[in-house]
Amino acid sequence: MANIKSAEKRARIAKVRTLRNTSRKSSVKTAIKRFEASLAEGDKENIEANFKRAIRLIDKAATKGVIHPNVRNRKKAQLAKKLNQA
């Protein structure tokens, strides 16, 4: 446990940021799963909508520093490749 006030505050802030980052990462994963599920169903409108949502969330997560920019580019390329094959 921290003895100094500033260290206690840093611990609180770290806890809040960890929860926020976990939530953002989870929403990215969920969006990707929804996109892949819509690919399996074959519904064109859902595929496009889910693709755009997944890309938007991936970009937002990278902007906030939750995922590395190279991970963002790799995930976007993988999703675009799946979209083009469909």
PDB file of N, CA and C in Angstrom:
ATOM      1  N   MET A   1       0.837  -1.179   0.000  1.00  0.00           N
ATOM      2  CA  MET A   1       0.000   0.000   0.000  1.00  0.00           C
ATOM      3  C   MET A   1       0.882   1.243   0.000  1.00  0.00           C
ATOM      4  N   ALA A   2       0.439   2.254  -0.699  1.00  0.00           N
ATOM      5  CA  ALA A   2       1.213   3.480  -0.818  1.00  0.00           C
ATOM      6  C   ALA A   2       1.159   4.282   0.482  1.00  0.00           C
ATOM      7  N   ASN A   3       2.289   4.925   0.811  1.00  0.00           N
ATOM      8  CA  ASN A   3       2.366   5.741   2.024  1.00  0.00           C
ATOM      9  C   ASN A   3       2.187   7.228   1.732  1.00  0.00           C
ATOM     10  N   ILE A   4       2.428   7.616   0.496  1.00  0.00           N
ATOM     11  CA  ILE A   4       2.410   9.030   0.133  1.00  0.00           C
ATOM     12  C   ILE A   4       1.096   9.328  -0.595  1.00  0.00           C
ATOM     13  N   LYS A   5       0.561  10.534  -0.349  1.00  0.00           N
ATOM     14  CA  LYS A   5      -0.719  10.907  -0.952  1.00  0.00           C
ATOM     15  C   LYS A   5      -0.693  10.834  -2.470  1.00  0.00           C
ATOM     16  N   SER A   6       0.385  11.324  -3.061  1.00  0.00           N
ATOM     17  CA  SER A   6       0.463  11.323  -4.528  1.00  0.00           C
ATOM     18  C   SER A   6       0.511   9.898  -5.071  1.00  0.00           C
ATOM     19  N   ALA A   7       1.158   8.995  -4.342  1.00  0.00           N
ATOM     20  CA  ALA A   7       1.218   7.599  -4.765  1.00  0.00           C
ATOM     21  C   ALA A   7      -0.152   6.940  -4.658  1.00  0.00           C
ATOM     22  N   GLU A   8      -0.914   7.305  -3.627  1.00  0.00           N
ATOM     23  CA  GLU A   8      -2.273   6.780  -3.483  1.00  0.00           C
ATOM     24  C   GLU A   8      -3.151   7.250  -4.640  1.00  0.00           C
ATOM     25  N   LYS A   9      -2.985   8.523  -5.004  1.00  0.00           N
ATOM     26  CA  LYS A   9      -3.764   9.060  -6.117  1.00  0.00           C
ATOM     27  C   LYS A   9      -3.393   8.358  -7.414  1.00  0.00           C
ATOM     28  N   ARG A  10      -2.111   8.135  -7.658  1.00  0.00           N
ATOM     29  CA  ARG A  10      -1.677   7.436  -8.873  1.00  0.00           C
ATOM     30  C   ARG A  10      -2.279   6.036  -8.925  1.00  0.00           C
ATOM     31  N   ALA A  11      -2.362   5.366  -7.780  1.00  0.00           N
ATOM     32  CA  ALA A  11      -2.945   4.024  -7.730  1.00  0.00           C
ATOM     33  C   ALA A  11      -4.424   4.065  -8.098  1.00  0.00           C
ATOM     34  N   ARG A  12      -5.148   5.087  -7.572  1.00  0.00           N
ATOM     35  CA  ARG A  12      -6.570   5.227  -7.916  1.00  0.00           C
ATOM     36  C   ARG A  12      -6.742   5.493  -9.410  1.00  0.00           C
ATOM     37  N   ILE A  13      -5.927   6.386  -9.938  1.00  0.00           N
ATOM     38  CA  ILE A  13      -6.012   6.731 -11.357  1.00  0.00           C
ATOM     39  C   ILE A  13      -5.697   5.511 -12.227  1.00  0.00           C
ATOM     40  N   ALA A  14      -4.695   4.748 -11.819  1.00  0.00           N
ATOM     41  CA  ALA A  14      -4.326   3.551 -12.586  1.00  0.00           C
ATOM     42  C   ALA A  14      -5.476   2.553 -12.619  1.00  0.00           C
ATOM     43  N   LYS A  15      -6.177   2.426 -11.500  1.00  0.00           N
ATOM     44  CA  LYS A  15      -7.303   1.492 -11.441  1.00  0.00           C
ATOM     45  C   LYS A  15      -8.417   1.931 -12.397  1.00  0.00           C
ATOM     46  N   VAL A  16      -8.728   3.230 -12.401  1.00  0.00           N
ATOM     47  CA  VAL A  16      -9.781   3.760 -13.271  1.00  0.00           C
ATOM     48  C   VAL A  16      -9.396   3.572 -14.735  1.00  0.00           C
ATOM     49  N   ARG A  17      -8.156   3.901 -15.063  1.00  0.00           N
ATOM     50  CA  ARG A  17      -7.708   3.789 -16.458  1.00  0.00           C
ATOM     51  C   ARG A  17      -7.667   2.341 -16.924  1.00  0.00           C
ATOM     52  N   THR A  18      -7.306   1.432 -16.012  1.00  0.00           N
ATOM     53  CA  THR A  18      -7.284   0.015 -16.371  1.00  0.00           C
ATOM     54  C   THR A  18      -8.688  -0.468 -16.721  1.00  0.00           C
ATOM     55  N   LEU A  19      -9.665  -0.054 -15.924  1.00  0.00           N
ATOM     56  CA  LEU A  19     -11.055  -0.436 -16.215  1.00  0.00           C
ATOM     57  C   LEU A  19     -11.511   0.135 -17.557  1.00  0.00           C
ATOM     58  N   ARG A  20     -11.170   1.404 -17.808  1.00  0.00           N
ATOM     59  CA  ARG A  20     -11.573   2.046 -19.052  1.00  0.00           C
ATOM     60  C   ARG A  20     -10.922   1.358 -20.247  1.00  0.00           C
ATOM     61  N   ASN A  21      -9.625   1.054 -20.139  1.00  0.00           N
ATOM     62  CA  ASN A  21      -8.919   0.406 -21.244  1.00  0.00           C
ATOM     63  C   ASN A  21      -9.457  -1.000 -21.493  1.00  0.00           C
ATOM     64  N   THR A  22      -9.769  -1.724 -20.421  1.00  0.00           N
ATOM     65  CA  THR A  22     -10.328  -3.067 -20.564  1.00  0.00           C
ATOM     66  C   THR A  22     -11.666  -3.007 -21.285  1.00  0.00           C
ATOM     67  N   SER A  23     -12.467  -2.011 -20.932  1.00  0.00           N
ATOM     68  CA  SER A  23     -13.772  -1.849 -21.576  1.00  0.00           C
ATOM     69  C   SER A  23     -13.614  -1.555 -23.065  1.00  0.00           C
ATOM     70  N   ARG A  24     -12.705  -0.655 -23.406  1.00  0.00           N
ATOM     71  CA  ARG A  24     -12.488  -0.312 -24.813  1.00  0.00           C
ATOM     72  C   ARG A  24     -11.991  -1.513 -25.611  1.00  0.00           C
ATOM     73  N   LYS A  25     -11.051  -2.258 -25.020  1.00  0.00           N
ATOM     74  CA  LYS A  25     -10.511  -3.427 -25.712  1.00  0.00           C
ATOM     75  C   LYS A  25     -11.601  -4.475 -25.918  1.00  0.00           C
ATOM     76  N   SER A  26     -12.467  -4.634 -24.919  1.00  0.00           N
ATOM     77  CA  SER A  26     -13.559  -5.592 -25.014  1.00  0.00           C
ATOM     78  C   SER A  26     -14.550  -5.184 -26.103  1.00  0.00           C
ATOM     79  N   SER A  27     -14.844  -3.896 -26.206  1.00  0.00           N
ATOM     80  CA  SER A  27     -15.786  -3.445 -27.235  1.00  0.00           C
ATOM     81  C   SER A  27     -15.216  -3.646 -28.632  1.00  0.00           C
ATOM     82  N   VAL A  28     -13.905  -3.513 -28.774  1.00  0.00           N
ATOM     83  CA  VAL A  28     -13.267  -3.778 -30.069  1.00  0.00           C
ATOM     84  C   VAL A  28     -13.422  -5.256 -30.432  1.00  0.00           C
ATOM     85  N   LYS A  29     -13.153  -6.114 -29.471  1.00  0.00           N
ATOM     86  CA  LYS A  29     -13.269  -7.556 -29.725  1.00  0.00           C
ATOM     87  C   LYS A  29     -14.700  -7.952 -30.074  1.00  0.00           C
ATOM     88  N   THR A  30     -15.664  -7.353 -29.366  1.00  0.00           N
ATOM     89  CA  THR A  30     -17.067  -7.649 -29.632  1.00  0.00           C
ATOM     90  C   THR A  30     -17.460  -7.200 -31.029  1.00  0.00           C
ATOM     91  N   ALA A  31     -16.998  -6.015 -31.434  1.00  0.00           N
ATOM     92  CA  ALA A  31     -17.317  -5.496 -32.766  1.00  0.00           C
ATOM     93  C   ALA A  31     -16.742  -6.408 -33.852  1.00  0.00           C
ATOM     94  N   ILE A  32     -15.535  -6.909 -33.630  1.00  0.00           N
ATOM     95  CA  ILE A  32     -14.916  -7.809 -34.606  1.00  0.00           C
ATOM     96  C   ILE A  32     -15.711  -9.109 -34.692  1.00  0.00           C
ATOM     97  N   LYS A  33     -16.135  -9.634 -33.541  1.00  0.00           N
ATOM     98  CA  LYS A  33     -16.924 -10.876 -33.534  1.00  0.00           C
ATOM     99  C   LYS A  33     -18.264 -10.686 -34.239  1.00  0.00           C
ATOM    100  N   ARG A  34     -18.895  -9.519 -34.031  1.00  0.00           N
ATOM    101  CA  ARG A  34     -20.166  -9.251 -34.710  1.00  0.00           C
ATOM    102  C   ARG A  34     -19.969  -9.170 -36.219  1.00  0.00           C
ATOM    103  N   PHE A  35     -18.868  -8.555 -36.644  1.00  0.00           N
ATOM    104  CA  PHE A  35     -18.575  -8.473 -38.069  1.00  0.00           C
ATOM    105  C   PHE A  35     -18.388  -9.869 -38.658  1.00  0.00           C
ATOM    106  N   GLU A  36     -17.632 -10.710 -37.980  1.00  0.00           N
ATOM    107  CA  GLU A  36     -17.391 -12.063 -38.476  1.00  0.00           C
ATOM    108  C   GLU A  36     -18.688 -12.884 -38.465  1.00  0.00           C
ATOM    109  N   ALA A  37     -19.549 -12.657 -37.490  1.00  0.00           N
ATOM    110  CA  ALA A  37     -20.831 -13.360 -37.439  1.00  0.00           C
ATOM    111  C   ALA A  37     -21.721 -12.934 -38.599  1.00  0.00           C
ATOM    112  N   SER A  38     -21.710 -11.644 -38.921  1.00  0.00           N
ATOM    113  CA  SER A  38     -22.519 -11.174 -40.051  1.00  0.00           C
ATOM    114  C   SER A  38     -21.953 -11.685 -41.371  1.00  0.00           C
ATOM    115  N   LEU A  39     -20.648 -11.889 -41.436  1.00  0.00           N
ATOM    116  CA  LEU A  39     -20.052 -12.497 -42.634  1.00  0.00           C
ATOM    117  C   LEU A  39     -20.574 -13.921 -42.805  1.00  0.00           C
ATOM    118  N   ALA A  40     -20.643 -14.644 -41.691  1.00  0.00           N
ATOM    119  CA  ALA A  40     -21.115 -16.023 -41.749  1.00  0.00           C
ATOM    120  C   ALA A  40     -22.577 -16.090 -42.192  1.00  0.00           C
ATOM    121  N   GLU A  41     -23.389 -15.106 -41.761  1.00  0.00           N
ATOM    122  CA  GLU A  41     -24.791 -15.079 -42.159  1.00  0.00           C
ATOM    123  C   GLU A  41     -24.950 -14.673 -43.621  1.00  0.00           C
ATOM    124  N   GLY A  42     -24.110 -13.763 -44.074  1.00  0.00           N
ATOM    125  CA  GLY A  42     -24.160 -13.333 -45.463  1.00  0.00           C
ATOM    126  C   GLY A  42     -25.078 -12.157 -45.745  1.00  0.00           C
ATOM    127  N   ASP A  43     -25.501 -11.443 -44.710  1.00  0.00           N
ATOM    128  CA  ASP A  43     -26.376 -10.286 -44.884  1.00  0.00           C
ATOM    129  C   ASP A  43     -25.531  -9.065 -45.245  1.00  0.00           C
ATOM    130  N   LYS A  44     -25.687  -8.555 -46.476  1.00  0.00           N
ATOM    131  CA  LYS A  44     -24.831  -7.478 -47.001  1.00  0.00           C
ATOM    132  C   LYS A  44     -24.897  -6.210 -46.153  1.00  0.00           C
ATOM    133  N   GLU A  45     -26.101  -5.783 -45.766  1.00  0.00           N
ATOM    134  CA  GLU A  45     -26.245  -4.531 -45.018  1.00  0.00           C
ATOM    135  C   GLU A  45     -25.569  -4.622 -43.651  1.00  0.00           C
ATOM    136  N   ASN A  46     -25.782  -5.744 -42.973  1.00  0.00           N
ATOM    137  CA  ASN A  46     -25.151  -5.930 -41.664  1.00  0.00           C
ATOM    138  C   ASN A  46     -23.638  -6.020 -41.778  1.00  0.00           C
ATOM    139  N   ILE A  47     -23.165  -6.639 -42.835  1.00  0.00           N
ATOM    140  CA  ILE A  47     -21.720  -6.765 -43.016  1.00  0.00           C
ATOM    141  C   ILE A  47     -21.083  -5.383 -43.105  1.00  0.00           C
ATOM    142  N   GLU A  48     -21.635  -4.522 -43.949  1.00  0.00           N
ATOM    143  CA  GLU A  48     -21.083  -3.170 -44.113  1.00  0.00           C
ATOM    144  C   GLU A  48     -21.155  -2.374 -42.809  1.00  0.00           C
ATOM    145  N   ALA A  49     -22.304  -2.424 -42.142  1.00  0.00           N
ATOM    146  CA  ALA A  49     -22.485  -1.658 -40.903  1.00  0.00           C
ATOM    147  C   ALA A  49     -21.526  -2.145 -39.816  1.00  0.00           C
ATOM    148  N   ASN A  50     -21.408  -3.459 -39.672  1.00  0.00           N
ATOM    149  CA  ASN A  50     -20.520  -4.010 -38.648  1.00  0.00           C
ATOM    150  C   ASN A  50     -19.051  -3.758 -38.981  1.00  0.00           C
ATOM    151  N   PHE A  51     -18.725  -3.762 -40.259  1.00  0.00           N
ATOM    152  CA  PHE A  51     -17.353  -3.462 -40.664  1.00  0.00           C
ATOM    153  C   PHE A  51     -16.991  -2.026 -40.285  1.00  0.00           C
ATOM    154  N   LYS A  52     -17.881  -1.083 -40.611  1.00  0.00           N
ATOM    155  CA  LYS A  52     -17.612   0.328 -40.291  1.00  0.00           C
ATOM    156  C   LYS A  52     -17.508   0.545 -38.791  1.00  0.00           C
ATOM    157  N   ARG A  53     -18.381  -0.115 -38.031  1.00  0.00           N
ATOM    158  CA  ARG A  53     -18.336   0.028 -36.570  1.00  0.00           C
ATOM    159  C   ARG A  53     -17.037  -0.534 -36.011  1.00  0.00           C
ATOM    160  N   ALA A  54     -16.622  -1.688 -36.498  1.00  0.00           N
ATOM    161  CA  ALA A  54     -15.386  -2.298 -36.002  1.00  0.00           C
ATOM    162  C   ALA A  54     -14.185  -1.409 -36.316  1.00  0.00           C
ATOM    163  N   ILE A  55     -14.130  -0.876 -37.531  1.00  0.00           N
ATOM    164  CA  ILE A  55     -13.017  -0.011 -37.919  1.00  0.00           C
ATOM    165  C   ILE A  55     -12.989   1.241 -37.047  1.00  0.00           C
ATOM    166  N   ARG A  56     -14.173   1.825 -36.805  1.00  0.00           N
ATOM    167  CA  ARG A  56     -14.242   3.031 -35.986  1.00  0.00           C
ATOM    168  C   ARG A  56     -13.742   2.761 -34.561  1.00  0.00           C
ATOM    169  N   LEU A  57     -14.158   1.643 -33.984  1.00  0.00           N
ATOM    170  CA  LEU A  57     -13.736   1.326 -32.615  1.00  0.00           C
ATOM    171  C   LEU A  57     -12.247   0.998 -32.546  1.00  0.00           C
ATOM    172  N   ILE A  58     -11.742   0.329 -33.568  1.00  0.00           N
ATOM    173  CA  ILE A  58     -10.307   0.019 -33.605  1.00  0.00           C
ATOM    174  C   ILE A  58      -9.497   1.312 -33.672  1.00  0.00           C
ATOM    175  N   ASP A  59      -9.916   2.228 -34.539  1.00  0.00           N
ATOM    176  CA  ASP A  59      -9.214   3.507 -34.656  1.00  0.00           C
ATOM    177  C   ASP A  59      -9.264   4.289 -33.348  1.00  0.00           C
ATOM    178  N   LYS A  60     -10.421   4.286 -32.703  1.00  0.00           N
ATOM    179  CA  LYS A  60     -10.575   5.031 -31.453  1.00  0.00           C
ATOM    180  C   LYS A  60      -9.686   4.433 -30.365  1.00  0.00           C
ATOM    181  N   ALA A  61      -9.617   3.114 -30.303  1.00  0.00           N
ATOM    182  CA  ALA A  61      -8.787   2.463 -29.290  1.00  0.00           C
ATOM    183  C   ALA A  61      -7.312   2.787 -29.508  1.00  0.00           C
ATOM    184  N   ALA A  62      -6.887   2.825 -30.763  1.00  0.00           N
ATOM    185  CA  ALA A  62      -5.483   3.150 -31.056  1.00  0.00           C
ATOM    186  C   ALA A  62      -5.197   4.612 -30.730  1.00  0.00           C
ATOM    187  N   THR A  63      -6.156   5.496 -31.004  1.00  0.00           N
ATOM    188  CA  THR A  63      -5.977   6.912 -30.711  1.00  0.00           C
ATOM    189  C   THR A  63      -5.832   7.132 -29.208  1.00  0.00           C
ATOM    190  N   LYS A  64      -6.591   6.383 -28.426  1.00  0.00           N
ATOM    191  CA  LYS A  64      -6.541   6.523 -26.972  1.00  0.00           C
ATOM    192  C   LYS A  64      -5.341   5.806 -26.363  1.00  0.00           C
ATOM    193  N   GLY A  65      -4.609   5.035 -27.154  1.00  0.00           N
ATOM    194  CA  GLY A  65      -3.431   4.349 -26.648  1.00  0.00           C
ATOM    195  C   GLY A  65      -3.718   2.987 -26.040  1.00  0.00           C
ATOM    196  N   VAL A  66      -4.916   2.471 -26.281  1.00  0.00           N
ATOM    197  CA  VAL A  66      -5.269   1.168 -25.718  1.00  0.00           C
ATOM    198  C   VAL A  66      -4.579   0.052 -26.497  1.00  0.00           C
ATOM    199  N   ILE A  67      -4.525   0.204 -27.824  1.00  0.00           N
ATOM    200  CA  ILE A  67      -3.800  -0.762 -28.649  1.00  0.00           C
ATOM    201  C   ILE A  67      -2.734  -0.020 -29.447  1.00  0.00           C
ATOM    202  N   HIS A  68      -1.719  -0.728 -29.834  1.00  0.00           N
ATOM    203  CA  HIS A  68      -0.606  -0.151 -30.582  1.00  0.00           C
ATOM    204  C   HIS A  68      -1.057   0.177 -32.007  1.00  0.00           C
ATOM    205  N   PRO A  69      -0.534   1.236 -32.593  1.00  0.00           N
ATOM    206  CA  PRO A  69      -0.919   1.584 -33.971  1.00  0.00           C
ATOM    207  C   PRO A  69      -0.668   0.469 -34.988  1.00  0.00           C
ATOM    208  N   ASN A  70       0.379  -0.314 -34.795  1.00  0.00           N
ATOM    209  CA  ASN A  70       0.628  -1.427 -35.715  1.00  0.00           C
ATOM    210  C   ASN A  70      -0.443  -2.507 -35.580  1.00  0.00           C
ATOM    211  N   VAL A  71      -0.938  -2.713 -34.359  1.00  0.00           N
ATOM    212  CA  VAL A  71      -2.022  -3.668 -34.134  1.00  0.00           C
ATOM    213  C   VAL A  71      -3.277  -3.164 -34.834  1.00  0.00           C
ATOM    214  N   ARG A  72      -3.526  -1.851 -34.737  1.00  0.00           N
ATOM    215  CA  ARG A  72      -4.666  -1.256 -35.432  1.00  0.00           C
ATOM    216  C   ARG A  72      -4.586  -1.534 -36.920  1.00  0.00           C
ATOM    217  N   ASN A  73      -3.449  -1.265 -37.524  1.00  0.00           N
ATOM    218  CA  ASN A  73      -3.300  -1.459 -38.965  1.00  0.00           C
ATOM    219  C   ASN A  73      -3.473  -2.920 -39.352  1.00  0.00           C
ATOM    220  N   ARG A  74      -2.924  -3.817 -38.537  1.00  0.00           N
ATOM    221  CA  ARG A  74      -3.031  -5.248 -38.827  1.00  0.00           C
ATOM    222  C   ARG A  74      -4.482  -5.719 -38.755  1.00  0.00           C
ATOM    223  N   LYS A  75      -5.198  -5.301 -37.701  1.00  0.00           N
ATOM    224  CA  LYS A  75      -6.598  -5.712 -37.553  1.00  0.00           C
ATOM    225  C   LYS A  75      -7.470  -5.153 -38.680  1.00  0.00           C
ATOM    226  N   LYS A  76      -7.241  -3.896 -39.041  1.00  0.00           N
ATOM    227  CA  LYS A  76      -8.018  -3.293 -40.121  1.00  0.00           C
ATOM    228  C   LYS A  76      -7.755  -4.011 -41.440  1.00  0.00           C
ATOM    229  N   ALA A  77      -6.507  -4.374 -41.688  1.00  0.00           N
ATOM    230  CA  ALA A  77      -6.176  -5.084 -42.923  1.00  0.00           C
ATOM    231  C   ALA A  77      -6.824  -6.466 -42.950  1.00  0.00           C
ATOM    232  N   GLN A  78      -6.828  -7.151 -41.812  1.00  0.00           N
ATOM    233  CA  GLN A  78      -7.439  -8.472 -41.750  1.00  0.00           C
ATOM    234  C   GLN A  78      -8.936  -8.400 -42.013  1.00  0.00           C
ATOM    235  N   LEU A  79      -9.587  -7.394 -41.407  1.00  0.00           N
ATOM    236  CA  LEU A  79     -11.040  -7.250 -41.610  1.00  0.00           C
ATOM    237  C   LEU A  79     -11.356  -6.869 -43.051  1.00  0.00           C
ATOM    238  N   ALA A  80     -10.549  -5.980 -43.634  1.00  0.00           N
ATOM    239  CA  ALA A  80     -10.791  -5.581 -45.023  1.00  0.00           C
ATOM    240  C   ALA A  80     -10.604  -6.749 -45.958  1.00  0.00           C
ATOM    241  N   LYS A  81      -9.635  -7.594 -45.671  1.00  0.00           N
ATOM    242  CA  LYS A  81      -9.394  -8.773 -46.506  1.00  0.00           C
ATOM    243  C   LYS A  81     -10.602  -9.724 -46.438  1.00  0.00           C
ATOM    244  N   LYS A  82     -11.149  -9.913 -45.241  1.00  0.00           N
ATOM    245  CA  LYS A  82     -12.335 -10.766 -45.092  1.00  0.00           C
ATOM    246  C   LYS A  82     -13.536 -10.159 -45.806  1.00  0.00           C
ATOM    247  N   LEU A  83     -13.660  -8.830 -45.727  1.00  0.00           N
ATOM    248  CA  LEU A  83     -14.771  -8.160 -46.398  1.00  0.00           C
ATOM    249  C   LEU A  83     -14.670  -8.308 -47.907  1.00  0.00           C
ATOM    250  N   ASN A  84     -13.476  -8.165 -48.450  1.00  0.00           N
ATOM    251  CA  ASN A  84     -13.294  -8.263 -49.897  1.00  0.00           C
ATOM    252  C   ASN A  84     -13.495  -9.693 -50.409  1.00  0.00           C
ATOM    253  N   GLN A  85     -13.195 -10.679 -49.573  1.00  0.00           N
ATOM    254  CA  GLN A  85     -13.400 -12.067 -49.994  1.00  0.00           C
ATOM    255  C   GLN A  85     -14.876 -12.440 -49.992  1.00  0.00           C
ATOM    256  N   ALA A  86     -15.659 -11.730 -49.197  1.00  0.00           N
ATOM    257  CA  ALA A  86     -17.091 -12.063 -49.093  1.00  0.00           C
ATOM    258  C   ALA A  86     -17.870 -11.577 -50.302  1.00  0.00           C
TER     259      ALA A  86
END
